[in-house]
Each structure stands twice: as structure tokens, then as C-alpha cells.
Amino acid sequence: MIELMSDPQHRADMKKRLARIEGQLRGIQKLMDESVECEKVLQQMTAARKALDRAFFEMMACVIEHNVLHAEPSSPAQVDVMAEVRGLLAKYS
């Protein structure tokens, strides 16, 4: 199994990023309650979606950095981790 976010600073940064996205989503709900124009809601949805995509790619970079770069080159463990990374990319992107 792939270990994620062993670096406490990286984990804290990711949690802050997700908290900002959560705030964006609450803001979108508020706009909808206020019957704001659809285009303004769509703009905010796009911003939240892009922020979540950036968080996703940062998490994938974490997977690669901590599990592929730190493994011995061409070792069976690295081959297994690469297969798992490929599987995650195929499943979630």
C-alpha cells in the first residue's frame, strides 16, 4: 500500500488547501441561497473545481515523490509502487 503524506508540513498545507476549498463550497451554497445569477455561481464552481484538481495533483506528486523516488531503482518494490501509481492515476483522473 502506498504511504501518503508522511511529512507533517505537507499534511498541514494540504489540510489548509482543503479548508479553503470547503470555504469556497460554502460560498457557492450561499450564492445559491441568495439567488445570484447562474453565471456567477458557475464561476465559483469552476474556481472550486480547479482548486480541488490542484489538490489532487499535489497529492499524486506526494505519492510519486515519497514512494517512487525513495525506492531502489528497478527493485521489485519500485515496480509494485509504480503499478499502484498507474492504477491510482487511471482510477481517479
PDB file of N, CA and C in Angstrom:
ATOM      1  N   MET A   1       0.841  -1.183   0.000  1.00  0.00           N
ATOM      2  CA  MET A   1       0.000   0.000   0.000  1.00  0.00           C
ATOM      3  C   MET A   1       0.884   1.242   0.000  1.00  0.00           C
ATOM      4  N   ILE A   2       0.464   2.241  -0.710  1.00  0.00           N
ATOM      5  CA  ILE A   2       1.220   3.485  -0.831  1.00  0.00           C
ATOM      6  C   ILE A   2       1.007   4.342   0.408  1.00  0.00           C
ATOM      7  N   GLU A   3       2.114   4.785   0.981  1.00  0.00           N
ATOM      8  CA  GLU A   3       2.060   5.667   2.148  1.00  0.00           C
ATOM      9  C   GLU A   3       1.891   7.098   1.656  1.00  0.00           C
ATOM     10  N   LEU A   4       0.989   7.821   2.279  1.00  0.00           N
ATOM     11  CA  LEU A   4       0.730   9.203   1.874  1.00  0.00           C
ATOM     12  C   LEU A   4       1.057  10.174   2.988  1.00  0.00           C
ATOM     13  N   MET A   5       1.612  11.283   2.607  1.00  0.00           N
ATOM     14  CA  MET A   5       1.767  12.449   3.456  1.00  0.00           C
ATOM     15  C   MET A   5       2.492  12.176   4.761  1.00  0.00           C
ATOM     16  N   SER A   6       3.684  11.625   4.665  1.00  0.00           N
ATOM     17  CA  SER A   6       4.469  11.379   5.865  1.00  0.00           C
ATOM     18  C   SER A   6       5.075  12.665   6.417  1.00  0.00           C
ATOM     19  N   ASP A   7       5.171  13.704   5.589  1.00  0.00           N
ATOM     20  CA  ASP A   7       5.728  14.984   6.012  1.00  0.00           C
ATOM     21  C   ASP A   7       4.636  15.808   6.707  1.00  0.00           C
ATOM     22  N   PRO A   8       4.805  16.119   7.997  1.00  0.00           N
ATOM     23  CA  PRO A   8       3.771  16.868   8.732  1.00  0.00           C
ATOM     24  C   PRO A   8       3.463  18.232   8.115  1.00  0.00           C
ATOM     25  N   GLN A   9       4.473  18.918   7.567  1.00  0.00           N
ATOM     26  CA  GLN A   9       4.229  20.224   6.958  1.00  0.00           C
ATOM     27  C   GLN A   9       3.380  20.087   5.697  1.00  0.00           C
ATOM     28  N   HIS A  10       3.683  19.070   4.906  1.00  0.00           N
ATOM     29  CA  HIS A  10       2.898  18.833   3.692  1.00  0.00           C
ATOM     30  C   HIS A  10       1.452  18.507   4.051  1.00  0.00           C
ATOM     31  N   ARG A  11       1.280  17.699   5.075  1.00  0.00           N
ATOM     32  CA  ARG A  11      -0.066  17.338   5.525  1.00  0.00           C
ATOM     33  C   ARG A  11      -0.824  18.588   5.978  1.00  0.00           C
ATOM     34  N   ALA A  12      -0.166  19.452   6.746  1.00  0.00           N
ATOM     35  CA  ALA A  12      -0.802  20.687   7.225  1.00  0.00           C
ATOM     36  C   ALA A  12      -1.159  21.600   6.054  1.00  0.00           C
ATOM     37  N   ASP A  13      -0.257  21.707   5.086  1.00  0.00           N
ATOM     38  CA  ASP A  13      -0.534  22.535   3.910  1.00  0.00           C
ATOM     39  C   ASP A  13      -1.732  22.007   3.131  1.00  0.00           C
ATOM     40  N   MET A  14      -1.800  20.691   2.981  1.00  0.00           N
ATOM     41  CA  MET A  14      -2.920  20.098   2.250  1.00  0.00           C
ATOM     42  C   MET A  14      -4.239  20.320   2.998  1.00  0.00           C
ATOM     43  N   LYS A  15      -4.209  20.202   4.311  1.00  0.00           N
ATOM     44  CA  LYS A  15      -5.425  20.433   5.097  1.00  0.00           C
ATOM     45  C   LYS A  15      -5.884  21.884   4.959  1.00  0.00           C
ATOM     46  N   LYS A  16      -4.941  22.831   4.928  1.00  0.00           N
ATOM     47  CA  LYS A  16      -5.307  24.238   4.724  1.00  0.00           C
ATOM     48  C   LYS A  16      -5.926  24.435   3.341  1.00  0.00           C
ATOM     49  N   ARG A  17      -5.330  23.791   2.348  1.00  0.00           N
ATOM     50  CA  ARG A  17      -5.853  23.887   0.980  1.00  0.00           C
ATOM     51  C   ARG A  17      -7.287  23.355   0.923  1.00  0.00           C
ATOM     52  N   LEU A  18      -7.518  22.215   1.557  1.00  0.00           N
ATOM     53  CA  LEU A  18      -8.864  21.628   1.564  1.00  0.00           C
ATOM     54  C   LEU A  18      -9.849  22.478   2.344  1.00  0.00           C
ATOM     55  N   ALA A  19      -9.385  23.123   3.410  1.00  0.00           N
ATOM     56  CA  ALA A  19     -10.259  24.019   4.175  1.00  0.00           C
ATOM     57  C   ALA A  19     -10.686  25.214   3.317  1.00  0.00           C
ATOM     58  N   ARG A  20      -9.755  25.730   2.494  1.00  0.00           N
ATOM     59  CA  ARG A  20     -10.114  26.833   1.600  1.00  0.00           C
ATOM     60  C   ARG A  20     -11.153  26.380   0.574  1.00  0.00           C
ATOM     61  N   ILE A  21     -10.979  25.169   0.056  1.00  0.00           N
ATOM     62  CA  ILE A  21     -11.957  24.634  -0.897  1.00  0.00           C
ATOM     63  C   ILE A  21     -13.311  24.472  -0.221  1.00  0.00           C
ATOM     64  N   GLU A  22     -13.297  23.990   1.006  1.00  0.00           N
ATOM     65  CA  GLU A  22     -14.543  23.850   1.769  1.00  0.00           C
ATOM     66  C   GLU A  22     -15.228  25.207   1.906  1.00  0.00           C
ATOM     67  N   GLY A  23     -14.439  26.248   2.175  1.00  0.00           N
ATOM     68  CA  GLY A  23     -14.988  27.603   2.262  1.00  0.00           C
ATOM     69  C   GLY A  23     -15.575  28.060   0.934  1.00  0.00           C
ATOM     70  N   GLN A  24     -14.900  27.716  -0.156  1.00  0.00           N
ATOM     71  CA  GLN A  24     -15.432  28.059  -1.477  1.00  0.00           C
ATOM     72  C   GLN A  24     -16.786  27.390  -1.703  1.00  0.00           C
ATOM     73  N   LEU A  25     -16.902  26.135  -1.298  1.00  0.00           N
ATOM     74  CA  LEU A  25     -18.161  25.414  -1.482  1.00  0.00           C
ATOM     75  C   LEU A  25     -19.283  26.022  -0.637  1.00  0.00           C
ATOM     76  N   ARG A  26     -18.939  26.419   0.590  1.00  0.00           N
ATOM     77  CA  ARG A  26     -19.947  27.094   1.418  1.00  0.00           C
ATOM     78  C   ARG A  26     -20.368  28.411   0.777  1.00  0.00           C
ATOM     79  N   GLY A  27     -19.406  29.121   0.181  1.00  0.00           N
ATOM     80  CA  GLY A  27     -19.715  30.368  -0.512  1.00  0.00           C
ATOM     81  C   GLY A  27     -20.644  30.146  -1.694  1.00  0.00           C
ATOM     82  N   ILE A  28     -20.433  29.063  -2.415  1.00  0.00           N
ATOM     83  CA  ILE A  28     -21.310  28.734  -3.543  1.00  0.00           C
ATOM     84  C   ILE A  28     -22.732  28.481  -3.045  1.00  0.00           C
ATOM     85  N   GLN A  29     -22.847  27.743  -1.946  1.00  0.00           N
ATOM     86  CA  GLN A  29     -24.173  27.475  -1.391  1.00  0.00           C
ATOM     87  C   GLN A  29     -24.860  28.782  -0.984  1.00  0.00           C
ATOM     88  N   LYS A  30     -24.102  29.699  -0.420  1.00  0.00           N
ATOM     89  CA  LYS A  30     -24.652  30.995  -0.014  1.00  0.00           C
ATOM     90  C   LYS A  30     -25.129  31.774  -1.242  1.00  0.00           C
ATOM     91  N   LEU A  31     -24.326  31.761  -2.300  1.00  0.00           N
ATOM     92  CA  LEU A  31     -24.742  32.436  -3.532  1.00  0.00           C
ATOM     93  C   LEU A  31     -26.055  31.858  -4.049  1.00  0.00           C
ATOM     94  N   MET A  32     -26.185  30.558  -3.977  1.00  0.00           N
ATOM     95  CA  MET A  32     -27.413  29.913  -4.451  1.00  0.00           C
ATOM     96  C   MET A  32     -28.599  30.295  -3.576  1.00  0.00           C
ATOM     97  N   ASP A  33     -28.374  30.396  -2.261  1.00  0.00           N
ATOM     98  CA  ASP A  33     -29.448  30.823  -1.353  1.00  0.00           C
ATOM     99  C   ASP A  33     -29.875  32.253  -1.635  1.00  0.00           C
ATOM    100  N   GLU A  34     -28.933  33.067  -2.114  1.00  0.00           N
ATOM    101  CA  GLU A  34     -29.209  34.474  -2.402  1.00  0.00           C
ATOM    102  C   GLU A  34     -29.736  34.677  -3.819  1.00  0.00           C
ATOM    103  N   SER A  35     -29.947  33.599  -4.553  1.00  0.00           N
ATOM    104  CA  SER A  35     -30.461  33.649  -5.928  1.00  0.00           C
ATOM    105  C   SER A  35     -29.614  34.537  -6.833  1.00  0.00           C
ATOM    106  N   VAL A  36     -28.310  34.373  -6.727  1.00  0.00           N
ATOM    107  CA  VAL A  36     -27.377  35.110  -7.574  1.00  0.00           C
ATOM    108  C   VAL A  36     -27.438  34.530  -8.983  1.00  0.00           C
ATOM    109  N   GLU A  37     -27.020  35.321  -9.973  1.00  0.00           N
ATOM    110  CA  GLU A  37     -27.020  34.864 -11.370  1.00  0.00           C
ATOM    111  C   GLU A  37     -26.270  33.538 -11.513  1.00  0.00           C
ATOM    112  N   CYS A  38     -26.781  32.710 -12.380  1.00  0.00           N
ATOM    113  CA  CYS A  38     -26.182  31.385 -12.608  1.00  0.00           C
ATOM    114  C   CYS A  38     -24.715  31.494 -13.014  1.00  0.00           C
ATOM    115  N   GLU A  39     -24.377  32.492 -13.840  1.00  0.00           N
ATOM    116  CA  GLU A  39     -23.004  32.598 -14.305  1.00  0.00           C
ATOM    117  C   GLU A  39     -22.038  32.858 -13.151  1.00  0.00           C
ATOM    118  N   LYS A  40     -22.454  33.643 -12.171  1.00  0.00           N
ATOM    119  CA  LYS A  40     -21.581  33.896 -11.013  1.00  0.00           C
ATOM    120  C   LYS A  40     -21.371  32.613 -10.209  1.00  0.00           C
ATOM    121  N   VAL A  41     -22.423  31.817 -10.086  1.00  0.00           N
ATOM    122  CA  VAL A  41     -22.301  30.538  -9.385  1.00  0.00           C
ATOM    123  C   VAL A  41     -21.360  29.620 -10.163  1.00  0.00           C
ATOM    124  N   LEU A  42     -21.520  29.593 -11.486  1.00  0.00           N
ATOM    125  CA  LEU A  42     -20.648  28.764 -12.317  1.00  0.00           C
ATOM    126  C   LEU A  42     -19.187  29.188 -12.197  1.00  0.00           C
ATOM    127  N   GLN A  43     -18.925  30.484 -12.129  1.00  0.00           N
ATOM    128  CA  GLN A  43     -17.550  30.962 -11.962  1.00  0.00           C
ATOM    129  C   GLN A  43     -16.956  30.424 -10.668  1.00  0.00           C
ATOM    130  N   GLN A  44     -17.734  30.470  -9.601  1.00  0.00           N
ATOM    131  CA  GLN A  44     -17.237  29.999  -8.316  1.00  0.00           C
ATOM    132  C   GLN A  44     -17.078  28.478  -8.301  1.00  0.00           C
ATOM    133  N   MET A  45     -17.991  27.776  -8.970  1.00  0.00           N
ATOM    134  CA  MET A  45     -17.861  26.322  -9.080  1.00  0.00           C
ATOM    135  C   MET A  45     -16.591  25.956  -9.839  1.00  0.00           C
ATOM    136  N   THR A  46     -16.306  26.698 -10.909  1.00  0.00           N
ATOM    137  CA  THR A  46     -15.097  26.457 -11.690  1.00  0.00           C
ATOM    138  C   THR A  46     -13.854  26.674 -10.840  1.00  0.00           C
ATOM    139  N   ALA A  47     -13.851  27.745 -10.055  1.00  0.00           N
ATOM    140  CA  ALA A  47     -12.703  28.027  -9.183  1.00  0.00           C
ATOM    141  C   ALA A  47     -12.512  26.904  -8.160  1.00  0.00           C
ATOM    142  N   ALA A  48     -13.611  26.430  -7.566  1.00  0.00           N
ATOM    143  CA  ALA A  48     -13.525  25.355  -6.571  1.00  0.00           C
ATOM    144  C   ALA A  48     -13.049  24.059  -7.224  1.00  0.00           C
ATOM    145  N   ARG A  49     -13.556  23.791  -8.417  1.00  0.00           N
ATOM    146  CA  ARG A  49     -13.149  22.572  -9.123  1.00  0.00           C
ATOM    147  C   ARG A  49     -11.663  22.605  -9.460  1.00  0.00           C
ATOM    148  N   LYS A  50     -11.186  23.748  -9.930  1.00  0.00           N
ATOM    149  CA  LYS A  50      -9.758  23.874 -10.247  1.00  0.00           C
ATOM    150  C   LYS A  50      -8.906  23.741  -8.994  1.00  0.00           C
ATOM    151  N   ALA A  51      -9.364  24.312  -7.892  1.00  0.00           N
ATOM    152  CA  ALA A  51      -8.620  24.199  -6.635  1.00  0.00           C
ATOM    153  C   ALA A  51      -8.555  22.739  -6.183  1.00  0.00           C
ATOM    154  N   LEU A  52      -9.651  22.021  -6.338  1.00  0.00           N
ATOM    155  CA  LEU A  52      -9.658  20.606  -5.967  1.00  0.00           C
ATOM    156  C   LEU A  52      -8.770  19.792  -6.909  1.00  0.00           C
ATOM    157  N   ASP A  53      -8.771  20.134  -8.189  1.00  0.00           N
ATOM    158  CA  ASP A  53      -7.864  19.468  -9.130  1.00  0.00           C
ATOM    159  C   ASP A  53      -6.410  19.698  -8.734  1.00  0.00           C
ATOM    160  N   ARG A  54      -6.069  20.929  -8.352  1.00  0.00           N
ATOM    161  CA  ARG A  54      -4.690  21.213  -7.929  1.00  0.00           C
ATOM    162  C   ARG A  54      -4.332  20.409  -6.683  1.00  0.00           C
ATOM    163  N   ALA A  55      -5.276  20.281  -5.768  1.00  0.00           N
ATOM    164  CA  ALA A  55      -5.027  19.475  -4.563  1.00  0.00           C
ATOM    165  C   ALA A  55      -4.812  18.008  -4.944  1.00  0.00           C
ATOM    166  N   PHE A  56      -5.594  17.514  -5.895  1.00  0.00           N
ATOM    167  CA  PHE A  56      -5.444  16.144  -6.370  1.00  0.00           C
ATOM    168  C   PHE A  56      -4.048  15.927  -6.951  1.00  0.00           C
ATOM    169  N   PHE A  57      -3.606  16.837  -7.807  1.00  0.00           N
ATOM    170  CA  PHE A  57      -2.289  16.677  -8.434  1.00  0.00           C
ATOM    171  C   PHE A  57      -1.165  16.811  -7.414  1.00  0.00           C
ATOM    172  N   GLU A  58      -1.360  17.638  -6.419  1.00  0.00           N
ATOM    173  CA  GLU A  58      -0.368  17.747  -5.351  1.00  0.00           C
ATOM    174  C   GLU A  58      -0.288  16.425  -4.580  1.00  0.00           C
ATOM    175  N   MET A  59      -1.426  15.797  -4.351  1.00  0.00           N
ATOM    176  CA  MET A  59      -1.441  14.503  -3.664  1.00  0.00           C
ATOM    177  C   MET A  59      -0.766  13.431  -4.513  1.00  0.00           C
ATOM    178  N   MET A  60      -1.006  13.438  -5.823  1.00  0.00           N
ATOM    179  CA  MET A  60      -0.347  12.471  -6.696  1.00  0.00           C
ATOM    180  C   MET A  60       1.160  12.709  -6.710  1.00  0.00           C
ATOM    181  N   ALA A  61       1.574  13.963  -6.703  1.00  0.00           N
ATOM    182  CA  ALA A  61       3.010  14.260  -6.642  1.00  0.00           C
ATOM    183  C   ALA A  61       3.597  13.726  -5.344  1.00  0.00           C
ATOM    184  N   CYS A  62       2.848  13.829  -4.270  1.00  0.00           N
ATOM    185  CA  CYS A  62       3.294  13.289  -2.978  1.00  0.00           C
ATOM    186  C   CYS A  62       3.484  11.778  -3.075  1.00  0.00           C
ATOM    187  N   VAL A  63       2.538  11.103  -3.687  1.00  0.00           N
ATOM    188  CA  VAL A  63       2.636   9.648  -3.863  1.00  0.00           C
ATOM    189  C   VAL A  63       3.904   9.302  -4.622  1.00  0.00           C
ATOM    190  N   ILE A  64       4.126   9.989  -5.721  1.00  0.00           N
ATOM    191  CA  ILE A  64       5.297   9.690  -6.553  1.00  0.00           C
ATOM    192  C   ILE A  64       6.584  10.000  -5.802  1.00  0.00           C
ATOM    193  N   GLU A  65       6.640  11.178  -5.203  1.00  0.00           N
ATOM    194  CA  GLU A  65       7.861  11.591  -4.507  1.00  0.00           C
ATOM    195  C   GLU A  65       8.222  10.642  -3.375  1.00  0.00           C
ATOM    196  N   HIS A  66       7.274  10.315  -2.528  1.00  0.00           N
ATOM    197  CA  HIS A  66       7.580   9.543  -1.331  1.00  0.00           C
ATOM    198  C   HIS A  66       7.693   8.042  -1.567  1.00  0.00           C
ATOM    199  N   ASN A  67       7.136   7.566  -2.653  1.00  0.00           N
ATOM    200  CA  ASN A  67       7.121   6.123  -2.842  1.00  0.00           C
ATOM    201  C   ASN A  67       7.891   5.632  -4.055  1.00  0.00           C
ATOM    202  N   VAL A  68       8.114   6.479  -5.015  1.00  0.00           N
ATOM    203  CA  VAL A  68       8.854   6.067  -6.198  1.00  0.00           C
ATOM    204  C   VAL A  68      10.288   6.561  -6.115  1.00  0.00           C
ATOM    205  N   LEU A  69      10.473   7.816  -5.810  1.00  0.00           N
ATOM    206  CA  LEU A  69      11.824   8.371  -5.779  1.00  0.00           C
ATOM    207  C   LEU A  69      12.665   7.801  -4.652  1.00  0.00           C
ATOM    208  N   HIS A  70      12.038   7.354  -3.569  1.00  0.00           N
ATOM    209  CA  HIS A  70      12.785   6.829  -2.431  1.00  0.00           C
ATOM    210  C   HIS A  70      13.006   5.319  -2.501  1.00  0.00           C
ATOM    211  N   ALA A  71      12.460   4.660  -3.516  1.00  0.00           N
ATOM    212  CA  ALA A  71      12.669   3.216  -3.675  1.00  0.00           C
ATOM    213  C   ALA A  71      13.952   2.981  -4.470  1.00  0.00           C
ATOM    214  N   GLU A  72      14.527   1.797  -4.294  1.00  0.00           N
ATOM    215  CA  GLU A  72      15.721   1.441  -5.067  1.00  0.00           C
ATOM    216  C   GLU A  72      15.329   1.289  -6.540  1.00  0.00           C
ATOM    217  N   PRO A  73      16.136   1.849  -7.447  1.00  0.00           N
ATOM    218  CA  PRO A  73      15.819   1.741  -8.874  1.00  0.00           C
ATOM    219  C   PRO A  73      15.680   0.285  -9.312  1.00  0.00           C
ATOM    220  N   SER A  74      14.658   0.028 -10.083  1.00  0.00           N
ATOM    221  CA  SER A  74      14.400  -1.293 -10.681  1.00  0.00           C
ATOM    222  C   SER A  74      14.195  -2.401  -9.662  1.00  0.00           C
ATOM    223  N   SER A  75      13.925  -2.052  -8.430  1.00  0.00           N
ATOM    224  CA  SER A  75      13.651  -3.086  -7.431  1.00  0.00           C
ATOM    225  C   SER A  75      12.209  -3.568  -7.594  1.00  0.00           C
ATOM    226  N   PRO A  76      11.927  -4.778  -7.154  1.00  0.00           N
ATOM    227  CA  PRO A  76      10.538  -5.253  -7.218  1.00  0.00           C
ATOM    228  C   PRO A  76       9.575  -4.333  -6.473  1.00  0.00           C
ATOM    229  N   ALA A  77      10.034  -3.747  -5.372  1.00  0.00           N
ATOM    230  CA  ALA A  77       9.171  -2.833  -4.614  1.00  0.00           C
ATOM    231  C   ALA A  77       8.820  -1.614  -5.451  1.00  0.00           C
ATOM    232  N   GLN A  78       9.796  -1.079  -6.190  1.00  0.00           N
ATOM    233  CA  GLN A  78       9.529   0.089  -7.018  1.00  0.00           C
ATOM    234  C   GLN A  78       8.564  -0.266  -8.150  1.00  0.00           C
ATOM    235  N   VAL A  79       8.719  -1.428  -8.732  1.00  0.00           N
ATOM    236  CA  VAL A  79       7.818  -1.865  -9.794  1.00  0.00           C
ATOM    237  C   VAL A  79       6.395  -1.965  -9.249  1.00  0.00           C
ATOM    238  N   ASP A  80       6.240  -2.514  -8.055  1.00  0.00           N
ATOM    239  CA  ASP A  80       4.914  -2.621  -7.432  1.00  0.00           C
ATOM    240  C   ASP A  80       4.321  -1.241  -7.169  1.00  0.00           C
ATOM    241  N   VAL A  81       5.135  -0.329  -6.664  1.00  0.00           N
ATOM    242  CA  VAL A  81       4.654   1.022  -6.373  1.00  0.00           C
ATOM    243  C   VAL A  81       4.252   1.723  -7.671  1.00  0.00           C
ATOM    244  N   MET A  82       5.050   1.581  -8.712  1.00  0.00           N
ATOM    245  CA  MET A  82       4.706   2.205  -9.988  1.00  0.00           C
ATOM    246  C   MET A  82       3.384   1.657 -10.516  1.00  0.00           C
ATOM    247  N   ALA A  83       3.151   0.379 -10.353  1.00  0.00           N
ATOM    248  CA  ALA A  83       1.884  -0.211 -10.794  1.00  0.00           C
ATOM    249  C   ALA A  83       0.733   0.384  -9.994  1.00  0.00           C
ATOM    250  N   GLU A  84       0.967   0.590  -8.720  1.00  0.00           N
ATOM    251  CA  GLU A  84      -0.067   1.175  -7.881  1.00  0.00           C
ATOM    252  C   GLU A  84      -0.326   2.634  -8.269  1.00  0.00           C
ATOM    253  N   VAL A  85       0.731   3.391  -8.569  1.00  0.00           N
ATOM    254  CA  VAL A  85       0.583   4.779  -9.014  1.00  0.00           C
ATOM    255  C   VAL A  85      -0.205   4.822 -10.319  1.00  0.00           C
ATOM    256  N   ARG A  86       0.143   3.952 -11.268  1.00  0.00           N
ATOM    257  CA  ARG A  86      -0.602   3.891 -12.529  1.00  0.00           C
ATOM    258  C   ARG A  86      -2.083   3.602 -12.271  1.00  0.00           C
ATOM    259  N   GLY A  87      -2.332   2.673 -11.369  1.00  0.00           N
ATOM    260  CA  GLY A  87      -3.716   2.333 -11.031  1.00  0.00           C
ATOM    261  C   GLY A  87      -4.477   3.509 -10.445  1.00  0.00           C
ATOM    262  N   LEU A  88      -3.801   4.259  -9.553  1.00  0.00           N
ATOM    263  CA  LEU A  88      -4.439   5.444  -8.966  1.00  0.00           C
ATOM    264  C   LEU A  88      -4.737   6.504 -10.021  1.00  0.00           C
ATOM    265  N   LEU A  89      -3.783   6.735 -10.915  1.00  0.00           N
ATOM    266  CA  LEU A  89      -3.999   7.714 -11.978  1.00  0.00           C
ATOM    267  C   LEU A  89      -5.155   7.290 -12.888  1.00  0.00           C
ATOM    268  N   ALA A  90      -5.203   6.019 -13.231  1.00  0.00           N
ATOM    269  CA  ALA A  90      -6.275   5.533 -14.094  1.00  0.00           C
ATOM    270  C   ALA A  90      -7.642   5.620 -13.395  1.00  0.00           C
ATOM    271  N   LYS A  91      -7.653   5.327 -12.132  1.00  0.00           N
ATOM    272  CA  LYS A  91      -8.912   5.300 -11.385  1.00  0.00           C
ATOM    273  C   LYS A  91      -9.447   6.694 -11.083  1.00  0.00           C
ATOM    274  N   TYR A  92      -8.570   7.632 -10.756  1.00  0.00           N
ATOM    275  CA  TYR A  92      -9.006   8.919 -10.245  1.00  0.00           C
ATOM    276  C   TYR A  92      -8.797  10.097 -11.183  1.00  0.00           C
ATOM    277  N   SER A  93      -8.309   9.867 -12.386  1.00  0.00           N
ATOM    278  CA  SER A  93      -8.143  11.024 -13.278  1.00  0.00           C
ATOM    279  C   SER A  93      -8.955  10.850 -14.542  1.00  0.00           C
TER     280      SER A  93
END
